[in-house]
C-alpha cells in the first residue's frame, strides 16, 4: 500500500481510502473485515489453477477483491534440502529456496506463475521419498518480522483468516503449524518461536520448525498456505483509525477475541464444545 511514501504522503494516501476501492466499488466494512469477506474469498476460485484428475495431488486457490491469493494443497511434499542461507552484511541472514522446495504431483492449464510462491514451488514432485509424513491438515506460515509486535499481530490475524478460509477454525487446537522464516528475502531467526508465539501454543496442537527437518522431506496430506500478499489488518491503521472502527465490531475480530479468551480459560465452554 504505502511502499516508500514518507509520513506526510502516507496520511494523504490513507485519506483517499484507496486500499478499499476496487473496480469502481467501495466495499462495506463487512466486505473488508467480516463474514462477507471470508465467504466471497472462499467462493472465488483462481482460474487455471488445478491439477489434472489423473494426478495424486490437488491444488485449490481462491482470490479476494484485492487479488490476495489463498491456496490449499493435498498430497504435497516439502524438501528441506532445497533451501540455503543467504548472508546479508550488516543484517540478519536470510534464505533462498529452490523452485522445488514445495512440490506436488500436478499440472496447470496456464503457464503463468499463478501460485502464491512461484519462486519455491513446482507442480512436479521433487522426489518420491517421504522421510516424514504429516497426516491431516498442516498450516504453513512465514512471518514477516517476529521481533516486531505490530508485524506479528498482523501475521496472527492472517493465520486466523487462514483457519476460516480453510474451514478449520473450530479445530485449531488439533492442528499443527509449520513455521519457516524468510519466504521472501528477510529476517531468518532459524524458524525459532519467541514470546509472541505463546498465542499459537494456546491455539494449536504443536509449532513445528522447518529447521528441525534438516535436509529431509516432509509429505503432507493437506497443506494450508498463507494469504499472499497478507491482509493488512494492522498495517493499514498505523497512523489513523480506519473508518470501520467507528461503525461497529468486525465479526472476524469478535470471533478471534472469543477464541483467545477460551484458549486461556477465560470463557466457559458452551454446551456444543465450540466457541
C-alpha atoms as a PDB file:
ATOM      1  CA  UNK A   1       0.000   0.000   0.000  1.00  0.00           C
ATOM      2  CA  UNK A   2       2.333   2.762   1.219  1.00  0.00           C
ATOM      3  CA  UNK A   3       5.501   1.493  -0.425  1.00  0.00           C
ATOM      4  CA  UNK A   4       8.237   4.067   0.223  1.00  0.00           C
ATOM      5  CA  UNK A   5       5.995   7.070   0.891  1.00  0.00           C
ATOM      6  CA  UNK A   6       7.071   9.442   3.644  1.00  0.00           C
ATOM      7  CA  UNK A   7       4.783  10.039   6.623  1.00  0.00           C
ATOM      8  CA  UNK A   8       3.048  13.099   5.130  1.00  0.00           C
ATOM      9  CA  UNK A   9       2.356  11.281   1.861  1.00  0.00           C
ATOM     10  CA  UNK A  10       1.159   8.219   3.811  1.00  0.00           C
ATOM     11  CA  UNK A  11      -1.504  10.331   5.527  1.00  0.00           C
ATOM     12  CA  UNK A  12      -2.618  11.784   2.176  1.00  0.00           C
ATOM     13  CA  UNK A  13      -2.839   8.293   0.712  1.00  0.00           C
ATOM     14  CA  UNK A  14      -4.839   6.980   3.663  1.00  0.00           C
ATOM     15  CA  UNK A  15      -7.254   9.925   3.396  1.00  0.00           C
ATOM     16  CA  UNK A  16      -8.095   8.787  -0.138  1.00  0.00           C
ATOM     17  CA  UNK A  17      -9.183   5.405   1.230  1.00  0.00           C
ATOM     18  CA  UNK A  18      -7.511   3.825  -1.815  1.00  0.00           C
ATOM     19  CA  UNK A  19      -6.984   0.495  -0.100  1.00  0.00           C
ATOM     20  CA  UNK A  20     -10.703  -0.245  -0.183  1.00  0.00           C
ATOM     21  CA  UNK A  21     -11.691   0.999  -3.627  1.00  0.00           C
ATOM     22  CA  UNK A  22     -11.528  -1.741  -6.232  1.00  0.00           C
ATOM     23  CA  UNK A  23     -13.091  -1.919  -9.687  1.00  0.00           C
ATOM     24  CA  UNK A  24     -15.280   1.117  -9.085  1.00  0.00           C
ATOM     25  CA  UNK A  25     -16.673  -0.321  -5.857  1.00  0.00           C
ATOM     26  CA  UNK A  26     -16.278   0.992  -2.321  1.00  0.00           C
ATOM     27  CA  UNK A  27     -16.817  -2.137  -0.203  1.00  0.00           C
ATOM     28  CA  UNK A  28     -18.726  -2.134   3.053  1.00  0.00           C
ATOM     29  CA  UNK A  29     -16.952  -2.884   6.323  1.00  0.00           C
ATOM     30  CA  UNK A  30     -18.300  -6.426   6.214  1.00  0.00           C
ATOM     31  CA  UNK A  31     -16.871  -6.770   2.684  1.00  0.00           C
ATOM     32  CA  UNK A  32     -13.436  -5.961   4.084  1.00  0.00           C
ATOM     33  CA  UNK A  33     -13.376  -7.211   7.674  1.00  0.00           C
ATOM     34  CA  UNK A  34     -16.326  -9.541   8.209  1.00  0.00           C
ATOM     35  CA  UNK A  35     -18.108 -12.705   7.172  1.00  0.00           C
ATOM     36  CA  UNK A  36     -18.812 -11.447   3.658  1.00  0.00           C
ATOM     37  CA  UNK A  37     -15.072 -11.011   3.087  1.00  0.00           C
ATOM     38  CA  UNK A  38     -14.398 -14.627   4.057  1.00  0.00           C
ATOM     39  CA  UNK A  39     -17.374 -16.008   2.122  1.00  0.00           C
ATOM     40  CA  UNK A  40     -16.509 -14.173  -1.090  1.00  0.00           C
ATOM     41  CA  UNK A  41     -12.835 -15.095  -0.844  1.00  0.00           C
ATOM     42  CA  UNK A  42     -13.623 -18.742  -0.201  1.00  0.00           C
ATOM     43  CA  UNK A  43     -16.009 -18.967  -3.159  1.00  0.00           C
ATOM     44  CA  UNK A  44     -13.986 -17.091  -5.793  1.00  0.00           C
ATOM     45  CA  UNK A  45     -11.584 -19.571  -7.435  1.00  0.00           C
ATOM     46  CA  UNK A  46      -8.403 -18.505  -9.154  1.00  0.00           C
ATOM     47  CA  UNK A  47      -8.745 -19.661 -12.739  1.00  0.00           C
ATOM     48  CA  UNK A  48      -6.248 -22.003 -14.369  1.00  0.00           C
ATOM     49  CA  UNK A  49      -5.134 -23.407 -11.028  1.00  0.00           C
ATOM     50  CA  UNK A  50      -5.948 -27.056 -10.563  1.00  0.00           C
ATOM     51  CA  UNK A  51      -4.384 -30.472 -11.013  1.00  0.00           C
ATOM     52  CA  UNK A  52      -5.122 -32.969 -13.732  1.00  0.00           C
ATOM     53  CA  UNK A  53      -7.621 -35.541 -12.456  1.00  0.00           C
ATOM     54  CA  UNK A  54      -5.100 -38.317 -13.124  1.00  0.00           C
ATOM     55  CA  UNK A  55      -2.609 -36.787 -10.654  1.00  0.00           C
ATOM     56  CA  UNK A  56      -2.329 -37.668  -6.979  1.00  0.00           C
ATOM     57  CA  UNK A  57      -2.168 -34.069  -5.732  1.00  0.00           C
ATOM     58  CA  UNK A  58      -4.869 -31.415  -5.550  1.00  0.00           C
ATOM     59  CA  UNK A  59      -4.400 -27.637  -5.533  1.00  0.00           C
ATOM     60  CA  UNK A  60      -7.201 -25.137  -4.933  1.00  0.00           C
ATOM     61  CA  UNK A  61      -6.620 -21.375  -4.929  1.00  0.00           C
ATOM     62  CA  UNK A  62      -9.021 -18.513  -4.317  1.00  0.00           C
ATOM     63  CA  UNK A  63      -8.738 -14.735  -4.583  1.00  0.00           C
ATOM     64  CA  UNK A  64     -10.449 -11.771  -2.972  1.00  0.00           C
ATOM     65  CA  UNK A  65     -11.266  -8.300  -4.318  1.00  0.00           C
ATOM     66  CA  UNK A  66      -7.703  -7.235  -3.607  1.00  0.00           C
ATOM     67  CA  UNK A  67      -6.304 -10.185  -5.594  1.00  0.00           C
ATOM     68  CA  UNK A  68      -4.883 -11.671  -2.386  1.00  0.00           C
ATOM     69  CA  UNK A  69      -4.447 -15.384  -3.059  1.00  0.00           C
ATOM     70  CA  UNK A  70      -5.185 -18.245  -0.678  1.00  0.00           C
ATOM     71  CA  UNK A  71      -4.403 -21.893  -1.501  1.00  0.00           C
ATOM     72  CA  UNK A  72      -4.900 -25.341  -0.051  1.00  0.00           C
ATOM     73  CA  UNK A  73      -2.969 -28.356  -1.324  1.00  0.00           C
ATOM     74  CA  UNK A  74      -3.353 -32.100  -0.877  1.00  0.00           C
ATOM     75  CA  UNK A  75      -0.672 -34.790  -1.092  1.00  0.00           C
ATOM     76  CA  UNK A  76       2.325 -32.471  -1.427  1.00  0.00           C
ATOM     77  CA  UNK A  77       5.973 -32.610  -0.466  1.00  0.00           C
ATOM     78  CA  UNK A  78       8.334 -30.168   1.266  1.00  0.00           C
ATOM     79  CA  UNK A  79      12.013 -30.847   0.596  1.00  0.00           C
ATOM     80  CA  UNK A  80      14.125 -29.145   3.262  1.00  0.00           C
ATOM     81  CA  UNK A  81      17.334 -29.775   1.338  1.00  0.00           C
ATOM     82  CA  UNK A  82      16.156 -27.165  -1.179  1.00  0.00           C
ATOM     83  CA  UNK A  83      16.997 -24.058   0.812  1.00  0.00           C
ATOM     84  CA  UNK A  84      20.262 -22.340   1.658  1.00  0.00           C
ATOM     85  CA  UNK A  85      21.396 -19.479   3.869  1.00  0.00           C
ATOM     86  CA  UNK A  86      21.877 -16.056   2.297  1.00  0.00           C
ATOM     87  CA  UNK A  87      24.386 -13.766   4.009  1.00  0.00           C
ATOM     88  CA  UNK A  88      23.377 -10.103   4.388  1.00  0.00           C
ATOM     89  CA  UNK A  89      26.260  -7.946   5.688  1.00  0.00           C
ATOM     90  CA  UNK A  90      25.073  -5.681   8.479  1.00  0.00           C
ATOM     91  CA  UNK A  91      21.774  -7.544   8.810  1.00  0.00           C
ATOM     92  CA  UNK A  92      20.420 -10.944   9.775  1.00  0.00           C
ATOM     93  CA  UNK A  93      20.946 -13.857   7.427  1.00  0.00           C
ATOM     94  CA  UNK A  94      18.103 -14.764   5.092  1.00  0.00           C
ATOM     95  CA  UNK A  95      17.240 -17.807   2.968  1.00  0.00           C
ATOM     96  CA  UNK A  96      16.848 -18.699  -0.671  1.00  0.00           C
ATOM     97  CA  UNK A  97      14.698 -21.559  -1.917  1.00  0.00           C
ATOM     98  CA  UNK A  98      14.866 -23.787  -4.966  1.00  0.00           C
ATOM     99  CA  UNK A  99      11.718 -23.905  -7.055  1.00  0.00           C
ATOM    100  CA  UNK A 100      11.041 -27.482  -5.946  1.00  0.00           C
ATOM    101  CA  UNK A 101      11.226 -26.766  -2.212  1.00  0.00           C
ATOM    102  CA  UNK A 102       7.451 -27.230  -2.228  1.00  0.00           C
ATOM    103  CA  UNK A 103       6.205 -29.635  -4.892  1.00  0.00           C
ATOM    104  CA  UNK A 104       3.186 -31.642  -5.932  1.00  0.00           C
ATOM    105  CA  UNK A 105       2.159 -34.249  -8.438  1.00  0.00           C
ATOM    106  CA  UNK A 106       0.117 -31.829 -10.515  1.00  0.00           C
ATOM    107  CA  UNK A 107      -0.100 -29.853 -13.738  1.00  0.00           C
ATOM    108  CA  UNK A 108      -1.617 -26.493 -14.691  1.00  0.00           C
ATOM    109  CA  UNK A 109      -3.534 -25.267 -17.701  1.00  0.00           C
ATOM    110  CA  UNK A 110      -1.715 -21.946 -17.504  1.00  0.00           C
ATOM    111  CA  UNK A 111       1.992 -21.295 -17.984  1.00  0.00           C
ATOM    112  CA  UNK A 112       1.791 -18.201 -15.783  1.00  0.00           C
ATOM    113  CA  UNK A 113       3.220 -18.453 -12.232  1.00  0.00           C
ATOM    114  CA  UNK A 114      -0.162 -18.076 -10.570  1.00  0.00           C
ATOM    115  CA  UNK A 115       0.712 -19.942  -7.394  1.00  0.00           C
ATOM    116  CA  UNK A 116       1.458 -17.607  -4.434  1.00  0.00           C
ATOM    117  CA  UNK A 117       5.070 -18.799  -4.181  1.00  0.00           C
ATOM    118  CA  UNK A 118       6.289 -19.368  -7.760  1.00  0.00           C
ATOM    119  CA  UNK A 119       9.903 -18.984  -6.620  1.00  0.00           C
ATOM    120  CA  UNK A 120       9.749 -22.065  -4.375  1.00  0.00           C
ATOM    121  CA  UNK A 121       7.003 -24.261  -5.844  1.00  0.00           C
ATOM    122  CA  UNK A 122       6.983 -26.849  -8.604  1.00  0.00           C
ATOM    123  CA  UNK A 123       3.959 -28.808  -9.910  1.00  0.00           C
ATOM    124  CA  UNK A 124       6.309 -31.772 -10.355  1.00  0.00           C
ATOM    125  CA  UNK A 125       7.361 -33.787  -7.296  1.00  0.00           C
ATOM    126  CA  UNK A 126      10.919 -33.187  -6.148  1.00  0.00           C
ATOM    127  CA  UNK A 127      11.297 -36.883  -5.284  1.00  0.00           C
ATOM    128  CA  UNK A 128       9.230 -39.899  -4.293  1.00  0.00           C
ATOM    129  CA  UNK A 129      10.866 -40.081  -0.866  1.00  0.00           C
ATOM    130  CA  UNK A 130       8.933 -39.296   2.311  1.00  0.00           C
ATOM    131  CA  UNK A 131      11.243 -39.145   5.321  1.00  0.00           C
ATOM    132  CA  UNK A 132       8.378 -37.778   7.410  1.00  0.00           C
ATOM    133  CA  UNK A 133       4.621 -37.962   6.852  1.00  0.00           C
ATOM    134  CA  UNK A 134       2.107 -35.494   8.262  1.00  0.00           C
ATOM    135  CA  UNK A 135      -1.422 -36.888   8.216  1.00  0.00           C
ATOM    136  CA  UNK A 136      -4.283 -34.436   8.436  1.00  0.00           C
ATOM    137  CA  UNK A 137      -4.107 -30.653   7.999  1.00  0.00           C
ATOM    138  CA  UNK A 138      -0.944 -28.569   8.417  1.00  0.00           C
ATOM    139  CA  UNK A 139      -0.705 -24.761   8.278  1.00  0.00           C
ATOM    140  CA  UNK A 140       2.396 -23.313   6.593  1.00  0.00           C
ATOM    141  CA  UNK A 141       3.363 -19.763   7.530  1.00  0.00           C
ATOM    142  CA  UNK A 142       6.384 -17.497   7.091  1.00  0.00           C
ATOM    143  CA  UNK A 143       6.270 -14.489   9.435  1.00  0.00           C
ATOM    144  CA  UNK A 144       7.306 -11.032   8.344  1.00  0.00           C
ATOM    145  CA  UNK A 145       9.300  -9.985  11.418  1.00  0.00           C
ATOM    146  CA  UNK A 146       8.703 -11.871  14.676  1.00  0.00           C
ATOM    147  CA  UNK A 147      10.637  -9.304  16.738  1.00  0.00           C
ATOM    148  CA  UNK A 148       8.201  -6.547  15.842  1.00  0.00           C
ATOM    149  CA  UNK A 149       4.875  -6.773  17.695  1.00  0.00           C
ATOM    150  CA  UNK A 150       2.906  -4.842  15.081  1.00  0.00           C
ATOM    151  CA  UNK A 151       4.081  -7.101  12.252  1.00  0.00           C
ATOM    152  CA  UNK A 152       3.495 -10.201  14.381  1.00  0.00           C
ATOM    153  CA  UNK A 153      -0.058  -9.138  15.247  1.00  0.00           C
ATOM    154  CA  UNK A 154      -0.756  -8.749  11.542  1.00  0.00           C
ATOM    155  CA  UNK A 155       0.583 -12.273  10.964  1.00  0.00           C
ATOM    156  CA  UNK A 156      -1.560 -13.613  13.808  1.00  0.00           C
ATOM    157  CA  UNK A 157      -4.700 -12.191  12.197  1.00  0.00           C
ATOM    158  CA  UNK A 158      -3.733 -13.613   8.810  1.00  0.00           C
ATOM    159  CA  UNK A 159      -3.365 -17.053  10.382  1.00  0.00           C
ATOM    160  CA  UNK A 160      -6.844 -16.583  11.859  1.00  0.00           C
ATOM    161  CA  UNK A 161      -8.098 -15.804   8.345  1.00  0.00           C
ATOM    162  CA  UNK A 162      -6.370 -18.960   7.063  1.00  0.00           C
ATOM    163  CA  UNK A 163      -8.288 -21.036   9.596  1.00  0.00           C
ATOM    164  CA  UNK A 164     -11.614 -19.583   8.453  1.00  0.00           C
ATOM    165  CA  UNK A 165     -10.830 -19.795   4.756  1.00  0.00           C
ATOM    166  CA  UNK A 166      -9.768 -23.410   5.285  1.00  0.00           C
ATOM    167  CA  UNK A 167     -12.896 -24.028   7.398  1.00  0.00           C
ATOM    168  CA  UNK A 168     -10.880 -25.442  10.307  1.00  0.00           C
ATOM    169  CA  UNK A 169     -11.029 -22.564  12.823  1.00  0.00           C
ATOM    170  CA  UNK A 170     -13.069 -24.582  15.316  1.00  0.00           C
ATOM    171  CA  UNK A 171     -10.487 -27.348  15.334  1.00  0.00           C
ATOM    172  CA  UNK A 172      -7.248 -25.318  15.541  1.00  0.00           C
ATOM    173  CA  UNK A 173      -6.310 -26.983  18.834  1.00  0.00           C
ATOM    174  CA  UNK A 174      -5.955 -30.251  16.908  1.00  0.00           C
ATOM    175  CA  UNK A 175      -3.769 -28.762  14.150  1.00  0.00           C
ATOM    176  CA  UNK A 176      -0.035 -28.140  13.778  1.00  0.00           C
ATOM    177  CA  UNK A 177       1.551 -25.030  12.306  1.00  0.00           C
ATOM    178  CA  UNK A 178       4.869 -25.136  10.424  1.00  0.00           C
ATOM    179  CA  UNK A 179       6.998 -22.023  10.951  1.00  0.00           C
ATOM    180  CA  UNK A 180       9.569 -21.250   8.237  1.00  0.00           C
ATOM    181  CA  UNK A 181      11.387 -17.911   8.092  1.00  0.00           C
ATOM    182  CA  UNK A 182      12.229 -15.852   5.005  1.00  0.00           C
ATOM    183  CA  UNK A 183       9.902 -16.999   2.229  1.00  0.00           C
ATOM    184  CA  UNK A 184      10.668 -13.524   0.998  1.00  0.00           C
ATOM    185  CA  UNK A 185      14.144 -12.097   1.489  1.00  0.00           C
ATOM    186  CA  UNK A 186      14.124 -11.016   5.100  1.00  0.00           C
ATOM    187  CA  UNK A 187      14.938 -11.984   8.664  1.00  0.00           C
ATOM    188  CA  UNK A 188      15.973 -15.563   9.390  1.00  0.00           C
ATOM    189  CA  UNK A 189      15.595 -16.408  13.073  1.00  0.00           C
ATOM    190  CA  UNK A 190      16.259 -20.119  12.383  1.00  0.00           C
ATOM    191  CA  UNK A 191      12.484 -20.718  12.486  1.00  0.00           C
ATOM    192  CA  UNK A 192      12.659 -20.326  16.279  1.00  0.00           C
ATOM    193  CA  UNK A 193       9.445 -19.214  18.045  1.00  0.00           C
ATOM    194  CA  UNK A 194       9.694 -16.384  20.563  1.00  0.00           C
ATOM    195  CA  UNK A 195       7.462 -14.992  23.322  1.00  0.00           C
ATOM    196  CA  UNK A 196       4.921 -13.698  20.785  1.00  0.00           C
ATOM    197  CA  UNK A 197       4.259 -17.323  19.788  1.00  0.00           C
ATOM    198  CA  UNK A 198       2.599 -18.106  23.125  1.00  0.00           C
ATOM    199  CA  UNK A 199      -0.741 -17.386  21.462  1.00  0.00           C
ATOM    200  CA  UNK A 200      -0.009 -20.167  18.951  1.00  0.00           C
ATOM    201  CA  UNK A 201       0.925 -22.542  21.744  1.00  0.00           C
ATOM    202  CA  UNK A 202      -2.522 -21.926  23.192  1.00  0.00           C
ATOM    203  CA  UNK A 203      -4.370 -22.224  19.874  1.00  0.00           C
ATOM    204  CA  UNK A 204      -2.548 -25.060  18.091  1.00  0.00           C
ATOM    205  CA  UNK A 205      -1.513 -28.585  18.932  1.00  0.00           C
ATOM    206  CA  UNK A 206       2.167 -28.011  18.090  1.00  0.00           C
ATOM    207  CA  UNK A 207       4.512 -25.488  16.460  1.00  0.00           C
ATOM    208  CA  UNK A 208       6.856 -27.241  14.020  1.00  0.00           C
ATOM    209  CA  UNK A 209      10.131 -25.600  12.973  1.00  0.00           C
ATOM    210  CA  UNK A 210      11.369 -26.023   9.425  1.00  0.00           C
ATOM    211  CA  UNK A 211      14.990 -26.142  10.552  1.00  0.00           C
ATOM    212  CA  UNK A 212      14.307 -29.278  12.617  1.00  0.00           C
ATOM    213  CA  UNK A 213      13.701 -31.283   9.437  1.00  0.00           C
ATOM    214  CA  UNK A 214      17.324 -30.631   8.365  1.00  0.00           C
ATOM    215  CA  UNK A 215      17.685 -31.943   4.772  1.00  0.00           C
ATOM    216  CA  UNK A 216      14.762 -34.397   4.924  1.00  0.00           C
ATOM    217  CA  UNK A 217      11.466 -34.467   3.042  1.00  0.00           C
ATOM    218  CA  UNK A 218       8.038 -33.999   4.598  1.00  0.00           C
ATOM    219  CA  UNK A 219       4.947 -35.343   2.824  1.00  0.00           C
ATOM    220  CA  UNK A 220       1.730 -33.592   3.838  1.00  0.00           C
ATOM    221  CA  UNK A 221      -1.810 -34.878   3.419  1.00  0.00           C
ATOM    222  CA  UNK A 222      -3.350 -31.391   3.404  1.00  0.00           C
ATOM    223  CA  UNK A 223      -1.438 -28.098   3.464  1.00  0.00           C
ATOM    224  CA  UNK A 224      -2.995 -24.662   4.035  1.00  0.00           C
ATOM    225  CA  UNK A 225      -0.888 -21.841   2.570  1.00  0.00           C
ATOM    226  CA  UNK A 226      -0.811 -18.299   3.942  1.00  0.00           C
ATOM    227  CA  UNK A 227      -2.534 -15.480   2.004  1.00  0.00           C
ATOM    228  CA  UNK A 228      -0.270 -13.730  -0.488  1.00  0.00           C
ATOM    229  CA  UNK A 229       0.015 -10.811  -0.095  1.00  0.00           C
ATOM    230  CA  UNK A 230      -1.139 -10.793   3.537  1.00  0.00           C
ATOM    231  CA  UNK A 231      -4.314  -8.999   4.561  1.00  0.00           C
ATOM    232  CA  UNK A 232      -3.221  -5.694   6.108  1.00  0.00           C
ATOM    233  CA  UNK A 233      -5.169  -5.829   9.367  1.00  0.00           C
ATOM    234  CA  UNK A 234      -2.642  -3.780  11.312  1.00  0.00           C
ATOM    235  CA  UNK A 235      -0.576  -2.034   8.666  1.00  0.00           C
ATOM    236  CA  UNK A 236      -3.490  -0.072   7.213  1.00  0.00           C
ATOM    237  CA  UNK A 237      -4.002   1.718  10.522  1.00  0.00           C
ATOM    238  CA  UNK A 238      -0.523   2.530  11.812  1.00  0.00           C
ATOM    239  CA  UNK A 239      -1.267   6.261  11.918  1.00  0.00           C
ATOM    240  CA  UNK A 240      -5.053   6.525  11.685  1.00  0.00           C
ATOM    241  CA  UNK A 241      -8.193   4.751  12.884  1.00  0.00           C
ATOM    242  CA  UNK A 242      -9.907   3.044   9.976  1.00  0.00           C
ATOM    243  CA  UNK A 243     -13.470   4.294   9.336  1.00  0.00           C
ATOM    244  CA  UNK A 244     -14.900   0.836  10.038  1.00  0.00           C
ATOM    245  CA  UNK A 245     -13.614   1.067  13.618  1.00  0.00           C
ATOM    246  CA  UNK A 246     -16.336   3.632  14.359  1.00  0.00           C
ATOM    247  CA  UNK A 247     -19.202   1.785  12.674  1.00  0.00           C
ATOM    248  CA  UNK A 248     -19.239  -1.440  14.633  1.00  0.00           C
ATOM    249  CA  UNK A 249     -17.254  -4.545  15.572  1.00  0.00           C
ATOM    250  CA  UNK A 250     -15.721  -6.870  12.998  1.00  0.00           C
ATOM    251  CA  UNK A 251     -17.056 -10.421  13.131  1.00  0.00           C
ATOM    252  CA  UNK A 252     -13.536 -11.706  12.418  1.00  0.00           C
ATOM    253  CA  UNK A 253     -12.089  -9.794  15.372  1.00  0.00           C
ATOM    254  CA  UNK A 254     -15.013 -10.718  17.618  1.00  0.00           C
ATOM    255  CA  UNK A 255     -14.568 -14.424  16.972  1.00  0.00           C
ATOM    256  CA  UNK A 256     -10.828 -14.166  17.474  1.00  0.00           C
ATOM    257  CA  UNK A 257     -11.418 -12.376  20.776  1.00  0.00           C
ATOM    258  CA  UNK A 258     -13.652 -15.234  21.958  1.00  0.00           C
ATOM    259  CA  UNK A 259     -11.275 -17.877  20.625  1.00  0.00           C
ATOM    260  CA  UNK A 260      -8.287 -16.443  22.524  1.00  0.00           C
ATOM    261  CA  UNK A 261     -10.199 -15.934  25.753  1.00  0.00           C
ATOM    262  CA  UNK A 262     -11.485 -19.500  25.560  1.00  0.00           C
ATOM    263  CA  UNK A 263      -7.945 -20.803  24.918  1.00  0.00           C
ATOM    264  CA  UNK A 264      -6.734 -19.127  28.109  1.00  0.00           C
ATOM    265  CA  UNK A 265      -9.658 -20.499  30.132  1.00  0.00           C
ATOM    266  CA  UNK A 266     -11.376 -17.131  30.426  1.00  0.00           C
ATOM    267  CA  UNK A 267     -14.692 -18.301  28.965  1.00  0.00           C
ATOM    268  CA  UNK A 268     -16.958 -21.163  29.958  1.00  0.00           C
ATOM    269  CA  UNK A 269     -17.180 -23.916  27.328  1.00  0.00           C
ATOM    270  CA  UNK A 270     -20.562 -23.829  25.510  1.00  0.00           C
ATOM    271  CA  UNK A 271     -22.675 -26.973  25.502  1.00  0.00           C
ATOM    272  CA  UNK A 272     -21.642 -27.803  21.922  1.00  0.00           C
ATOM    273  CA  UNK A 273     -17.958 -27.559  22.876  1.00  0.00           C
ATOM    274  CA  UNK A 274     -17.182 -24.792  20.379  1.00  0.00           C
ATOM    275  CA  UNK A 275     -16.600 -21.077  20.719  1.00  0.00           C
END
